[in-house]
Amino acid sequence: MAERGRPRGFDADAALDRAVEVFWRRGYEGASLTDLTDAMGINRTSMYAAFGNKEELFRSALARYARIDMAYAREALEQPTAYAVVEAFLRANADALTQPGRPPGCLSVQGGIAEGGDHGNISQFLAGSRLAGERALAARLARAVDEGDLPKGTDPTALARYVMVVSEGNAIHAAAGAARSALHATVDIALRAVPGAPATAGSKVARTA
């Protein structure tokens, strides 16, 4: 985030964390400047000086959300097998979507659901962000095909898209109140579709909400 002459004594990261929660709960269109500045504990002048306009603030908030709340997605890519990558991602995702003390669902999905007067800029930005994550997963799965971990002929792009559809669908259901155990039950079924999945795929005991 570029410096904009931020006032001394202003904890930008703490304020940004509070902006993340407002956008997460209300979406981009639903979050007014008053909602944001009240939550951040600053006035509009300080907000503009530190973060720019509302759209720039949202972009900074999403970057922080991706770095902190979605760190599990990057960690999942380090798993030794394709199946372990997919399972680690979907399990951690289900947990993150229903984390106590945080809004249910996912900022990157809910933030731009409602269309508004921004000409679709935020929706396109969020779609691009999700696509970047999908491509990173596809690249990891393509490596698994090359290494013989996934069966020859597996389409890593289609498989990555499938995994993201499951995670994004779970995000919508979590925002609507679905319990953690219900999300993990969906993951159980989804894991059985991963090529080369072990016989015990998706057999973990359902977790409690």
N, C-alpha and C. Protein backbone atom coordinates (compact mmCIF):
# COMPACT_ATOMS: atom_id res chain seq x y z
N MET A 1 0.84 -1.19 0.00
CA MET A 1 0.00 0.00 0.00
C MET A 1 0.87 1.24 0.00
N ALA A 2 0.64 2.18 -0.90
CA ALA A 2 1.46 3.37 -1.01
C ALA A 2 1.20 4.30 0.15
N GLU A 3 2.23 4.96 0.60
CA GLU A 3 2.09 5.95 1.66
C GLU A 3 1.39 7.18 1.10
N ARG A 4 0.49 7.77 1.85
CA ARG A 4 -0.25 8.95 1.40
C ARG A 4 -0.23 10.02 2.48
N GLY A 5 0.85 10.16 3.20
CA GLY A 5 0.90 11.16 4.24
C GLY A 5 0.04 10.81 5.42
N ARG A 6 0.04 9.54 5.82
CA ARG A 6 -0.81 9.08 6.91
C ARG A 6 -0.46 9.80 8.22
N PRO A 7 -1.45 10.23 8.98
CA PRO A 7 -1.17 10.92 10.24
C PRO A 7 -0.42 10.04 11.21
N ARG A 8 0.40 10.64 12.05
CA ARG A 8 1.13 9.90 13.06
C ARG A 8 0.15 9.31 14.09
N GLY A 9 0.52 8.18 14.64
CA GLY A 9 -0.34 7.54 15.63
C GLY A 9 -1.47 6.74 15.02
N PHE A 10 -1.49 6.62 13.71
CA PHE A 10 -2.55 5.92 12.99
C PHE A 10 -2.07 4.50 12.68
N ASP A 11 -2.75 3.50 13.23
CA ASP A 11 -2.39 2.10 12.97
C ASP A 11 -3.14 1.64 11.73
N ALA A 12 -2.47 1.74 10.59
CA ALA A 12 -3.13 1.43 9.31
C ALA A 12 -3.56 -0.02 9.22
N ASP A 13 -2.74 -0.95 9.70
CA ASP A 13 -3.09 -2.37 9.61
C ASP A 13 -4.32 -2.69 10.44
N ALA A 14 -4.39 -2.13 11.65
CA ALA A 14 -5.56 -2.37 12.51
C ALA A 14 -6.81 -1.79 11.87
N ALA A 15 -6.70 -0.60 11.30
CA ALA A 15 -7.85 0.01 10.63
C ALA A 15 -8.26 -0.80 9.42
N LEU A 16 -7.28 -1.31 8.68
CA LEU A 16 -7.57 -2.10 7.50
C LEU A 16 -8.26 -3.41 7.88
N ASP A 17 -7.84 -4.01 8.99
CA ASP A 17 -8.50 -5.22 9.46
C ASP A 17 -9.97 -4.97 9.75
N ARG A 18 -10.28 -3.80 10.30
CA ARG A 18 -11.68 -3.48 10.59
C ARG A 18 -12.44 -3.20 9.31
N ALA A 19 -11.77 -2.63 8.31
CA ALA A 19 -12.42 -2.42 7.01
C ALA A 19 -12.71 -3.76 6.34
N VAL A 20 -11.78 -4.70 6.47
CA VAL A 20 -12.00 -6.04 5.93
C VAL A 20 -13.31 -6.61 6.45
N GLU A 21 -13.53 -6.49 7.76
CA GLU A 21 -14.73 -7.07 8.35
C GLU A 21 -15.99 -6.38 7.85
N VAL A 22 -15.95 -5.05 7.69
CA VAL A 22 -17.12 -4.33 7.17
C VAL A 22 -17.44 -4.79 5.75
N PHE A 23 -16.44 -4.83 4.89
CA PHE A 23 -16.66 -5.28 3.51
C PHE A 23 -17.14 -6.73 3.48
N TRP A 24 -16.59 -7.54 4.36
CA TRP A 24 -16.93 -8.95 4.42
C TRP A 24 -18.40 -9.13 4.80
N ARG A 25 -18.85 -8.36 5.77
CA ARG A 25 -20.24 -8.49 6.23
C ARG A 25 -21.24 -7.84 5.28
N ARG A 26 -20.86 -6.71 4.69
CA ARG A 26 -21.82 -5.91 3.94
C ARG A 26 -21.62 -5.96 2.43
N GLY A 27 -20.46 -6.46 1.97
CA GLY A 27 -20.15 -6.40 0.55
C GLY A 27 -19.67 -5.00 0.18
N TYR A 28 -19.13 -4.87 -1.01
CA TYR A 28 -18.58 -3.57 -1.42
C TYR A 28 -19.68 -2.52 -1.50
N GLU A 29 -20.78 -2.82 -2.19
CA GLU A 29 -21.84 -1.84 -2.36
C GLU A 29 -22.54 -1.53 -1.05
N GLY A 30 -22.69 -2.54 -0.19
CA GLY A 30 -23.42 -2.34 1.06
C GLY A 30 -22.64 -1.59 2.13
N ALA A 31 -21.33 -1.48 1.96
CA ALA A 31 -20.49 -0.79 2.96
C ALA A 31 -20.41 0.69 2.60
N SER A 32 -21.02 1.52 3.42
CA SER A 32 -20.96 2.97 3.17
C SER A 32 -19.66 3.53 3.73
N LEU A 33 -19.30 4.72 3.30
CA LEU A 33 -18.10 5.37 3.84
C LEU A 33 -18.24 5.60 5.34
N THR A 34 -19.45 5.90 5.78
CA THR A 34 -19.67 6.09 7.22
C THR A 34 -19.46 4.79 7.97
N ASP A 35 -19.98 3.68 7.43
CA ASP A 35 -19.75 2.37 8.05
C ASP A 35 -18.25 2.11 8.20
N LEU A 36 -17.52 2.40 7.14
CA LEU A 36 -16.09 2.10 7.10
C LEU A 36 -15.31 2.98 8.06
N THR A 37 -15.53 4.29 8.00
CA THR A 37 -14.75 5.18 8.86
C THR A 37 -15.11 5.00 10.33
N ASP A 38 -16.38 4.72 10.62
CA ASP A 38 -16.76 4.46 12.01
C ASP A 38 -16.05 3.22 12.53
N ALA A 39 -16.02 2.15 11.73
CA ALA A 39 -15.37 0.92 12.16
C ALA A 39 -13.87 1.11 12.28
N MET A 40 -13.29 1.87 11.37
CA MET A 40 -11.85 2.07 11.36
C MET A 40 -11.38 3.07 12.41
N GLY A 41 -12.32 3.83 12.96
CA GLY A 41 -11.98 4.80 14.00
C GLY A 41 -11.26 6.03 13.46
N ILE A 42 -11.56 6.41 12.22
CA ILE A 42 -10.91 7.57 11.61
C ILE A 42 -11.96 8.38 10.86
N ASN A 43 -11.58 9.60 10.46
CA ASN A 43 -12.49 10.39 9.65
C ASN A 43 -12.19 10.16 8.16
N ARG A 44 -13.03 10.72 7.31
CA ARG A 44 -12.87 10.48 5.87
C ARG A 44 -11.55 11.05 5.33
N THR A 45 -11.14 12.21 5.88
CA THR A 45 -9.89 12.81 5.42
C THR A 45 -8.73 11.86 5.67
N SER A 46 -8.69 11.24 6.84
CA SER A 46 -7.62 10.31 7.17
C SER A 46 -7.71 9.06 6.30
N MET A 47 -8.94 8.62 6.03
CA MET A 47 -9.10 7.44 5.18
C MET A 47 -8.57 7.69 3.78
N TYR A 48 -8.95 8.85 3.21
CA TYR A 48 -8.49 9.19 1.86
C TYR A 48 -6.97 9.34 1.83
N ALA A 49 -6.43 9.94 2.87
CA ALA A 49 -4.98 10.17 2.91
C ALA A 49 -4.22 8.86 2.99
N ALA A 50 -4.75 7.90 3.76
CA ALA A 50 -4.04 6.64 3.98
C ALA A 50 -4.31 5.60 2.90
N PHE A 51 -5.54 5.56 2.40
CA PHE A 51 -5.93 4.45 1.52
C PHE A 51 -6.46 4.86 0.16
N GLY A 52 -6.75 6.13 -0.04
CA GLY A 52 -7.36 6.55 -1.30
C GLY A 52 -8.87 6.47 -1.21
N ASN A 53 -9.53 6.28 -2.35
CA ASN A 53 -10.99 6.24 -2.34
C ASN A 53 -11.51 4.87 -1.89
N LYS A 54 -12.81 4.70 -1.94
CA LYS A 54 -13.42 3.47 -1.44
C LYS A 54 -12.95 2.25 -2.22
N GLU A 55 -12.84 2.37 -3.53
CA GLU A 55 -12.40 1.23 -4.32
C GLU A 55 -10.96 0.84 -3.98
N GLU A 56 -10.11 1.84 -3.81
CA GLU A 56 -8.72 1.55 -3.45
C GLU A 56 -8.63 0.91 -2.06
N LEU A 57 -9.48 1.38 -1.16
CA LEU A 57 -9.53 0.79 0.18
C LEU A 57 -9.95 -0.68 0.09
N PHE A 58 -10.93 -0.96 -0.75
CA PHE A 58 -11.39 -2.34 -0.89
C PHE A 58 -10.28 -3.23 -1.44
N ARG A 59 -9.56 -2.74 -2.42
CA ARG A 59 -8.47 -3.51 -2.99
C ARG A 59 -7.39 -3.80 -1.94
N SER A 60 -7.10 -2.81 -1.11
CA SER A 60 -6.12 -3.03 -0.03
C SER A 60 -6.67 -4.03 0.99
N ALA A 61 -7.97 -3.93 1.28
CA ALA A 61 -8.59 -4.85 2.24
C ALA A 61 -8.55 -6.28 1.71
N LEU A 62 -8.83 -6.46 0.42
CA LEU A 62 -8.81 -7.80 -0.15
C LEU A 62 -7.39 -8.38 -0.15
N ALA A 63 -6.41 -7.53 -0.42
CA ALA A 63 -5.02 -8.00 -0.40
C ALA A 63 -4.64 -8.48 0.99
N ARG A 64 -5.08 -7.75 2.01
CA ARG A 64 -4.77 -8.16 3.39
C ARG A 64 -5.53 -9.45 3.73
N TYR A 65 -6.77 -9.53 3.30
CA TYR A 65 -7.58 -10.74 3.52
C TYR A 65 -6.90 -11.95 2.88
N ALA A 66 -6.43 -11.78 1.65
CA ALA A 66 -5.77 -12.88 0.94
C ALA A 66 -4.48 -13.29 1.65
N ARG A 67 -3.76 -12.31 2.16
CA ARG A 67 -2.48 -12.60 2.81
C ARG A 67 -2.66 -13.30 4.15
N ILE A 68 -3.70 -12.92 4.89
CA ILE A 68 -3.87 -13.44 6.25
C ILE A 68 -4.93 -14.53 6.32
N ASP A 69 -6.15 -14.21 5.92
CA ASP A 69 -7.26 -15.15 6.09
C ASP A 69 -7.21 -16.31 5.10
N MET A 70 -6.53 -16.10 3.96
CA MET A 70 -6.45 -17.17 2.97
C MET A 70 -5.05 -17.75 2.84
N ALA A 71 -4.24 -17.60 3.86
CA ALA A 71 -2.89 -18.18 3.83
C ALA A 71 -2.95 -19.69 3.64
N TYR A 72 -4.03 -20.30 4.09
CA TYR A 72 -4.17 -21.75 3.97
C TYR A 72 -4.15 -22.21 2.52
N ALA A 73 -4.59 -21.35 1.60
CA ALA A 73 -4.61 -21.73 0.18
C ALA A 73 -3.19 -21.91 -0.35
N ARG A 74 -2.31 -21.02 0.04
CA ARG A 74 -0.91 -21.14 -0.37
C ARG A 74 -0.25 -22.33 0.29
N GLU A 75 -0.56 -22.55 1.56
CA GLU A 75 0.02 -23.67 2.30
C GLU A 75 -0.41 -25.00 1.69
N ALA A 76 -1.66 -25.08 1.22
CA ALA A 76 -2.17 -26.33 0.64
C ALA A 76 -1.36 -26.74 -0.58
N LEU A 77 -0.88 -25.77 -1.34
CA LEU A 77 -0.11 -26.08 -2.55
C LEU A 77 1.20 -26.78 -2.25
N GLU A 78 1.64 -26.73 -1.01
CA GLU A 78 2.91 -27.35 -0.62
C GLU A 78 2.74 -28.82 -0.22
N GLN A 79 1.51 -29.31 -0.21
CA GLN A 79 1.28 -30.70 0.14
C GLN A 79 1.94 -31.63 -0.89
N PRO A 80 2.35 -32.83 -0.48
CA PRO A 80 3.16 -33.68 -1.37
C PRO A 80 2.42 -34.35 -2.52
N THR A 81 1.11 -34.50 -2.42
CA THR A 81 0.35 -35.14 -3.50
C THR A 81 -0.82 -34.26 -3.91
N ALA A 82 -1.32 -34.50 -5.12
CA ALA A 82 -2.45 -33.72 -5.61
C ALA A 82 -3.68 -33.91 -4.72
N TYR A 83 -3.92 -35.15 -4.33
CA TYR A 83 -5.07 -35.39 -3.46
C TYR A 83 -4.93 -34.63 -2.14
N ALA A 84 -3.72 -34.66 -1.57
CA ALA A 84 -3.48 -33.95 -0.31
C ALA A 84 -3.64 -32.45 -0.48
N VAL A 85 -3.23 -31.93 -1.64
CA VAL A 85 -3.40 -30.50 -1.94
C VAL A 85 -4.88 -30.14 -1.91
N VAL A 86 -5.68 -30.91 -2.65
CA VAL A 86 -7.11 -30.62 -2.75
C VAL A 86 -7.79 -30.79 -1.40
N GLU A 87 -7.47 -31.86 -0.69
CA GLU A 87 -8.10 -32.07 0.61
C GLU A 87 -7.72 -30.97 1.59
N ALA A 88 -6.44 -30.63 1.66
CA ALA A 88 -6.00 -29.58 2.59
C ALA A 88 -6.69 -28.27 2.29
N PHE A 89 -6.81 -27.93 1.01
CA PHE A 89 -7.45 -26.68 0.63
C PHE A 89 -8.93 -26.67 1.01
N LEU A 90 -9.66 -27.71 0.61
CA LEU A 90 -11.10 -27.73 0.86
C LEU A 90 -11.43 -27.85 2.34
N ARG A 91 -10.65 -28.62 3.10
CA ARG A 91 -10.91 -28.74 4.53
C ARG A 91 -10.65 -27.40 5.24
N ALA A 92 -9.50 -26.80 4.93
CA ALA A 92 -9.16 -25.52 5.56
C ALA A 92 -10.14 -24.43 5.14
N ASN A 93 -10.59 -24.50 3.90
CA ASN A 93 -11.56 -23.54 3.41
C ASN A 93 -12.87 -23.65 4.18
N ALA A 94 -13.34 -24.88 4.38
CA ALA A 94 -14.59 -25.09 5.14
C ALA A 94 -14.46 -24.54 6.56
N ASP A 95 -13.29 -24.73 7.16
CA ASP A 95 -13.06 -24.20 8.50
C ASP A 95 -13.04 -22.68 8.49
N ALA A 96 -12.36 -22.09 7.50
CA ALA A 96 -12.24 -20.64 7.43
C ALA A 96 -13.60 -19.98 7.18
N LEU A 97 -14.45 -20.63 6.42
CA LEU A 97 -15.77 -20.08 6.12
C LEU A 97 -16.68 -20.03 7.33
N THR A 98 -16.34 -20.79 8.35
CA THR A 98 -17.19 -20.89 9.55
C THR A 98 -16.37 -20.62 10.80
N GLN A 99 -15.40 -19.73 10.69
CA GLN A 99 -14.50 -19.45 11.81
C GLN A 99 -15.20 -18.60 12.86
N PRO A 100 -15.25 -19.05 14.12
CA PRO A 100 -15.87 -18.25 15.17
C PRO A 100 -15.22 -16.87 15.28
N GLY A 101 -16.02 -15.86 15.47
CA GLY A 101 -15.50 -14.52 15.62
C GLY A 101 -15.25 -13.79 14.31
N ARG A 102 -15.48 -14.46 13.19
CA ARG A 102 -15.32 -13.84 11.88
C ARG A 102 -16.63 -13.95 11.11
N PRO A 103 -16.88 -13.09 10.15
CA PRO A 103 -18.11 -13.20 9.37
C PRO A 103 -18.15 -14.54 8.64
N PRO A 104 -19.31 -15.15 8.49
CA PRO A 104 -19.39 -16.40 7.72
C PRO A 104 -19.19 -16.14 6.24
N GLY A 105 -18.72 -17.14 5.53
CA GLY A 105 -18.53 -17.00 4.10
C GLY A 105 -17.15 -16.47 3.76
N CYS A 106 -17.03 -15.89 2.57
CA CYS A 106 -15.73 -15.49 2.02
C CYS A 106 -15.83 -14.08 1.43
N LEU A 107 -14.92 -13.22 1.81
CA LEU A 107 -14.92 -11.85 1.29
C LEU A 107 -14.78 -11.83 -0.22
N SER A 108 -13.93 -12.68 -0.78
CA SER A 108 -13.69 -12.64 -2.22
C SER A 108 -14.89 -13.10 -3.03
N VAL A 109 -15.83 -13.81 -2.39
CA VAL A 109 -17.05 -14.23 -3.07
C VAL A 109 -18.17 -13.24 -2.80
N GLN A 110 -18.35 -12.85 -1.54
CA GLN A 110 -19.47 -12.00 -1.15
C GLN A 110 -19.26 -10.53 -1.48
N GLY A 111 -18.01 -10.12 -1.59
CA GLY A 111 -17.73 -8.70 -1.74
C GLY A 111 -18.36 -8.06 -2.94
N GLY A 112 -18.50 -8.80 -4.04
CA GLY A 112 -19.01 -8.19 -5.26
C GLY A 112 -20.26 -8.83 -5.81
N ILE A 113 -21.00 -9.55 -4.97
CA ILE A 113 -22.20 -10.22 -5.47
C ILE A 113 -23.24 -9.22 -5.97
N ALA A 114 -23.47 -8.15 -5.22
CA ALA A 114 -24.47 -7.16 -5.61
C ALA A 114 -23.88 -6.20 -6.65
N GLU A 115 -24.56 -6.01 -7.74
CA GLU A 115 -24.11 -5.05 -8.74
C GLU A 115 -24.48 -3.65 -8.27
N GLY A 116 -23.64 -2.69 -8.60
CA GLY A 116 -23.91 -1.32 -8.19
C GLY A 116 -23.50 -0.33 -9.25
N GLY A 117 -23.12 0.84 -8.80
CA GLY A 117 -22.78 1.91 -9.73
C GLY A 117 -21.31 1.98 -10.07
N ASP A 118 -20.57 0.90 -9.86
CA ASP A 118 -19.13 0.93 -10.15
C ASP A 118 -18.80 0.32 -11.52
N HIS A 119 -19.85 0.12 -12.34
CA HIS A 119 -19.68 -0.44 -13.69
C HIS A 119 -19.06 -1.84 -13.67
N GLY A 120 -19.29 -2.55 -12.58
CA GLY A 120 -18.79 -3.91 -12.48
C GLY A 120 -17.31 -4.01 -12.18
N ASN A 121 -16.66 -2.90 -11.82
CA ASN A 121 -15.22 -2.92 -11.57
C ASN A 121 -14.84 -3.88 -10.45
N ILE A 122 -15.59 -3.83 -9.36
CA ILE A 122 -15.26 -4.67 -8.21
C ILE A 122 -15.54 -6.14 -8.52
N SER A 123 -16.65 -6.42 -9.17
CA SER A 123 -16.95 -7.81 -9.54
C SER A 123 -15.86 -8.38 -10.44
N GLN A 124 -15.39 -7.57 -11.39
CA GLN A 124 -14.34 -8.02 -12.29
C GLN A 124 -13.02 -8.21 -11.54
N PHE A 125 -12.74 -7.31 -10.62
CA PHE A 125 -11.53 -7.40 -9.82
C PHE A 125 -11.54 -8.68 -8.98
N LEU A 126 -12.68 -8.97 -8.35
CA LEU A 126 -12.79 -10.17 -7.53
C LEU A 126 -12.72 -11.43 -8.39
N ALA A 127 -13.34 -11.39 -9.56
CA ALA A 127 -13.27 -12.54 -10.45
C ALA A 127 -11.83 -12.80 -10.87
N GLY A 128 -11.09 -11.74 -11.13
CA GLY A 128 -9.68 -11.88 -11.48
C GLY A 128 -8.86 -12.45 -10.35
N SER A 129 -9.18 -12.03 -9.13
CA SER A 129 -8.47 -12.54 -7.96
C SER A 129 -8.73 -14.03 -7.78
N ARG A 130 -9.99 -14.44 -7.93
CA ARG A 130 -10.31 -15.87 -7.80
C ARG A 130 -9.66 -16.68 -8.91
N LEU A 131 -9.62 -16.11 -10.12
CA LEU A 131 -9.01 -16.80 -11.25
C LEU A 131 -7.51 -17.01 -11.01
N ALA A 132 -6.87 -16.04 -10.38
CA ALA A 132 -5.44 -16.18 -10.08
C ALA A 132 -5.21 -17.37 -9.16
N GLY A 133 -6.09 -17.53 -8.16
CA GLY A 133 -5.98 -18.67 -7.26
C GLY A 133 -6.24 -19.98 -7.99
N GLU A 134 -7.20 -19.98 -8.89
CA GLU A 134 -7.52 -21.18 -9.67
C GLU A 134 -6.34 -21.57 -10.56
N ARG A 135 -5.69 -20.58 -11.15
CA ARG A 135 -4.55 -20.87 -12.01
C ARG A 135 -3.36 -21.41 -11.22
N ALA A 136 -3.17 -20.90 -10.01
CA ALA A 136 -2.09 -21.42 -9.17
C ALA A 136 -2.34 -22.88 -8.83
N LEU A 137 -3.60 -23.20 -8.52
CA LEU A 137 -3.95 -24.59 -8.23
C LEU A 137 -3.77 -25.47 -9.47
N ALA A 138 -4.20 -24.96 -10.63
CA ALA A 138 -4.06 -25.72 -11.87
C ALA A 138 -2.59 -26.01 -12.18
N ALA A 139 -1.73 -25.04 -11.91
CA ALA A 139 -0.29 -25.24 -12.16
C ALA A 139 0.26 -26.34 -11.25
N ARG A 140 -0.19 -26.37 -10.00
CA ARG A 140 0.25 -27.41 -9.06
C ARG A 140 -0.26 -28.78 -9.51
N LEU A 141 -1.49 -28.83 -9.99
CA LEU A 141 -2.06 -30.10 -10.45
C LEU A 141 -1.41 -30.56 -11.75
N ALA A 142 -1.03 -29.61 -12.60
CA ALA A 142 -0.32 -29.97 -13.83
C ALA A 142 1.03 -30.61 -13.49
N ARG A 143 1.68 -30.09 -12.46
CA ARG A 143 2.94 -30.70 -12.01
C ARG A 143 2.71 -32.12 -11.54
N ALA A 144 1.57 -32.33 -10.87
CA ALA A 144 1.24 -33.67 -10.39
C ALA A 144 1.04 -34.63 -11.56
N VAL A 145 0.46 -34.15 -12.65
CA VAL A 145 0.30 -34.98 -13.84
C VAL A 145 1.67 -35.33 -14.41
N ASP A 146 2.54 -34.35 -14.51
CA ASP A 146 3.88 -34.57 -15.06
C ASP A 146 4.68 -35.57 -14.22
N GLU A 147 4.46 -35.54 -12.91
CA GLU A 147 5.20 -36.42 -12.00
C GLU A 147 4.57 -37.80 -11.88
N GLY A 148 3.41 -37.99 -12.52
CA GLY A 148 2.74 -39.29 -12.43
C GLY A 148 1.90 -39.45 -11.19
N ASP A 149 1.74 -38.39 -10.43
CA ASP A 149 0.91 -38.43 -9.22
C ASP A 149 -0.56 -38.46 -9.59
N LEU A 150 -0.94 -37.75 -10.63
CA LEU A 150 -2.29 -37.81 -11.19
C LEU A 150 -2.25 -38.63 -12.47
N PRO A 151 -3.33 -39.35 -12.77
CA PRO A 151 -3.35 -40.18 -13.98
C PRO A 151 -3.12 -39.38 -15.25
N LYS A 152 -2.41 -39.97 -16.18
CA LYS A 152 -2.19 -39.34 -17.47
C LYS A 152 -3.53 -39.04 -18.13
N GLY A 153 -3.65 -37.87 -18.70
CA GLY A 153 -4.91 -37.48 -19.33
C GLY A 153 -5.78 -36.64 -18.42
N THR A 154 -5.42 -36.51 -17.14
CA THR A 154 -6.17 -35.64 -16.24
C THR A 154 -6.04 -34.19 -16.71
N ASP A 155 -7.15 -33.48 -16.75
CA ASP A 155 -7.15 -32.07 -17.15
C ASP A 155 -6.99 -31.23 -15.89
N PRO A 156 -5.79 -30.70 -15.62
CA PRO A 156 -5.57 -29.96 -14.38
C PRO A 156 -6.37 -28.67 -14.30
N THR A 157 -6.63 -28.06 -15.44
CA THR A 157 -7.42 -26.82 -15.44
C THR A 157 -8.86 -27.10 -15.03
N ALA A 158 -9.44 -28.15 -15.60
CA ALA A 158 -10.82 -28.51 -15.26
C ALA A 158 -10.92 -28.96 -13.81
N LEU A 159 -9.92 -29.70 -13.34
CA LEU A 159 -9.94 -30.17 -11.96
C LEU A 159 -9.82 -28.99 -10.99
N ALA A 160 -8.94 -28.05 -11.31
CA ALA A 160 -8.80 -26.87 -10.46
C ALA A 160 -10.11 -26.07 -10.43
N ARG A 161 -10.76 -25.96 -11.58
CA ARG A 161 -12.03 -25.23 -11.62
C ARG A 161 -13.08 -25.95 -10.78
N TYR A 162 -13.11 -27.25 -10.85
CA TYR A 162 -14.05 -28.03 -10.04
C TYR A 162 -13.83 -27.76 -8.54
N VAL A 163 -12.58 -27.79 -8.12
CA VAL A 163 -12.26 -27.55 -6.70
C VAL A 163 -12.72 -26.15 -6.29
N MET A 164 -12.48 -25.16 -7.15
CA MET A 164 -12.88 -23.79 -6.81
C MET A 164 -14.40 -23.64 -6.79
N VAL A 165 -15.10 -24.35 -7.68
CA VAL A 165 -16.57 -24.31 -7.66
C VAL A 165 -17.10 -24.85 -6.33
N VAL A 166 -16.49 -25.93 -5.83
CA VAL A 166 -16.90 -26.49 -4.54
C VAL A 166 -16.65 -25.48 -3.43
N SER A 167 -15.47 -24.87 -3.41
CA SER A 167 -15.14 -23.94 -2.34
C SER A 167 -16.03 -22.69 -2.39
N GLU A 168 -16.29 -22.19 -3.60
CA GLU A 168 -17.12 -21.00 -3.73
C GLU A 168 -18.59 -21.31 -3.39
N GLY A 169 -19.04 -22.50 -3.77
CA GLY A 169 -20.40 -22.90 -3.39
C GLY A 169 -20.53 -23.03 -1.89
N ASN A 170 -19.53 -23.60 -1.26
CA ASN A 170 -19.55 -23.70 0.21
C ASN A 170 -19.56 -22.32 0.84
N ALA A 171 -18.86 -21.37 0.23
CA ALA A 171 -18.82 -20.01 0.77
C ALA A 171 -20.22 -19.39 0.77
N ILE A 172 -20.96 -19.61 -0.30
CA ILE A 172 -22.31 -19.06 -0.38
C ILE A 172 -23.22 -19.71 0.66
N HIS A 173 -23.09 -21.01 0.83
CA HIS A 173 -23.92 -21.71 1.82
C HIS A 173 -23.52 -21.31 3.24
N ALA A 174 -22.24 -21.11 3.48
CA ALA A 174 -21.80 -20.67 4.81
C ALA A 174 -22.38 -19.30 5.14
N ALA A 175 -22.37 -18.40 4.18
CA ALA A 175 -22.92 -17.07 4.40
C ALA A 175 -24.41 -17.13 4.71
N ALA A 176 -25.07 -18.17 4.19
CA ALA A 176 -26.51 -18.35 4.44
C ALA A 176 -26.79 -19.10 5.73
N GLY A 177 -25.71 -19.49 6.44
CA GLY A 177 -25.90 -20.13 7.75
C GLY A 177 -25.60 -21.60 7.83
N ALA A 178 -25.07 -22.21 6.77
CA ALA A 178 -24.75 -23.64 6.82
C ALA A 178 -23.69 -23.92 7.87
N ALA A 179 -23.84 -25.02 8.58
CA ALA A 179 -22.90 -25.40 9.64
C ALA A 179 -21.61 -25.94 9.04
N ARG A 180 -20.55 -25.87 9.83
CA ARG A 180 -19.25 -26.39 9.39
C ARG A 180 -19.35 -27.86 9.00
N SER A 181 -20.07 -28.64 9.78
CA SER A 181 -20.20 -30.07 9.49
C SER A 181 -20.84 -30.30 8.12
N ALA A 182 -21.79 -29.44 7.74
CA ALA A 182 -22.44 -29.56 6.43
C ALA A 182 -21.45 -29.27 5.31
N LEU A 183 -20.59 -28.29 5.51
CA LEU A 183 -19.59 -27.97 4.49
C LEU A 183 -18.60 -29.12 4.33
N HIS A 184 -18.19 -29.71 5.45
CA HIS A 184 -17.26 -30.84 5.38
C HIS A 184 -17.92 -32.06 4.74
N ALA A 185 -19.22 -32.20 4.91
CA ALA A 185 -19.92 -33.31 4.25
C ALA A 185 -19.87 -33.14 2.73
N THR A 186 -19.98 -31.90 2.27
CA THR A 186 -19.84 -31.62 0.84
C THR A 186 -18.43 -31.92 0.38
N VAL A 187 -17.45 -31.54 1.19
CA VAL A 187 -16.05 -31.84 0.86
C VAL A 187 -15.83 -33.35 0.76
N ASP A 188 -16.44 -34.11 1.67
CA ASP A 188 -16.32 -35.57 1.64
C ASP A 188 -16.69 -36.11 0.26
N ILE A 189 -17.81 -35.63 -0.27
CA ILE A 189 -18.29 -36.10 -1.56
C ILE A 189 -17.38 -35.62 -2.69
N ALA A 190 -16.97 -34.36 -2.61
CA ALA A 190 -16.13 -33.78 -3.66
C ALA A 190 -14.80 -34.51 -3.79
N LEU A 191 -14.23 -34.93 -2.68
CA LEU A 191 -12.92 -35.58 -2.72
C LEU A 191 -12.95 -36.90 -3.47
N ARG A 192 -14.10 -37.55 -3.51
CA ARG A 192 -14.20 -38.83 -4.21
C ARG A 192 -14.04 -38.66 -5.72
N ALA A 193 -14.20 -37.44 -6.21
CA ALA A 193 -14.09 -37.17 -7.65
C ALA A 193 -12.66 -36.85 -8.08
N VAL A 194 -11.75 -36.72 -7.12
CA VAL A 194 -10.36 -36.42 -7.48
C VAL A 194 -9.73 -37.66 -8.09
N PRO A 195 -9.17 -37.56 -9.30
CA PRO A 195 -8.56 -38.74 -9.94
C PRO A 195 -7.50 -39.36 -9.04
N GLY A 196 -7.53 -40.68 -8.94
CA GLY A 196 -6.54 -41.36 -8.12
C GLY A 196 -6.80 -41.24 -6.63
N ALA A 197 -8.00 -40.81 -6.24
CA ALA A 197 -8.31 -40.67 -4.81
C ALA A 197 -8.22 -42.02 -4.12
N PRO A 198 -7.70 -42.07 -2.89
CA PRO A 198 -7.62 -43.34 -2.17
C PRO A 198 -9.01 -43.88 -1.86
N ALA A 199 -9.07 -45.15 -1.54
CA ALA A 199 -10.36 -45.79 -1.26
C ALA A 199 -11.07 -45.15 -0.09
N THR A 200 -10.29 -44.54 0.81
CA THR A 200 -10.88 -43.92 2.00
C THR A 200 -11.22 -42.45 1.78
N ALA A 201 -11.14 -41.97 0.53
CA ALA A 201 -11.40 -40.55 0.25
C ALA A 201 -12.74 -40.11 0.79
N GLY A 202 -12.73 -38.98 1.47
CA GLY A 202 -13.97 -38.40 1.96
C GLY A 202 -14.61 -39.17 3.08
N SER A 203 -13.83 -40.00 3.77
CA SER A 203 -14.44 -40.83 4.81
C SER A 203 -14.22 -40.28 6.22
N LYS A 204 -13.70 -39.06 6.33
CA LYS A 204 -13.46 -38.50 7.66
C LYS A 204 -14.77 -38.25 8.39
N VAL A 205 -14.70 -38.36 9.69
CA VAL A 205 -15.90 -38.11 10.51
C VAL A 205 -16.29 -36.65 10.37
N ALA A 206 -17.58 -36.41 10.16
CA ALA A 206 -18.08 -35.03 10.03
C ALA A 206 -17.73 -34.23 11.27
N ARG A 207 -17.38 -32.98 11.05
CA ARG A 207 -16.99 -32.11 12.15
C ARG A 207 -18.19 -31.35 12.66
N THR A 208 -18.11 -30.93 13.88
CA THR A 208 -19.21 -30.17 14.47
C THR A 208 -19.05 -28.72 14.11
N ALA A 209 -20.16 -28.00 14.16
CA ALA A 209 -20.14 -26.57 13.80
C ALA A 209 -19.38 -25.79 14.85
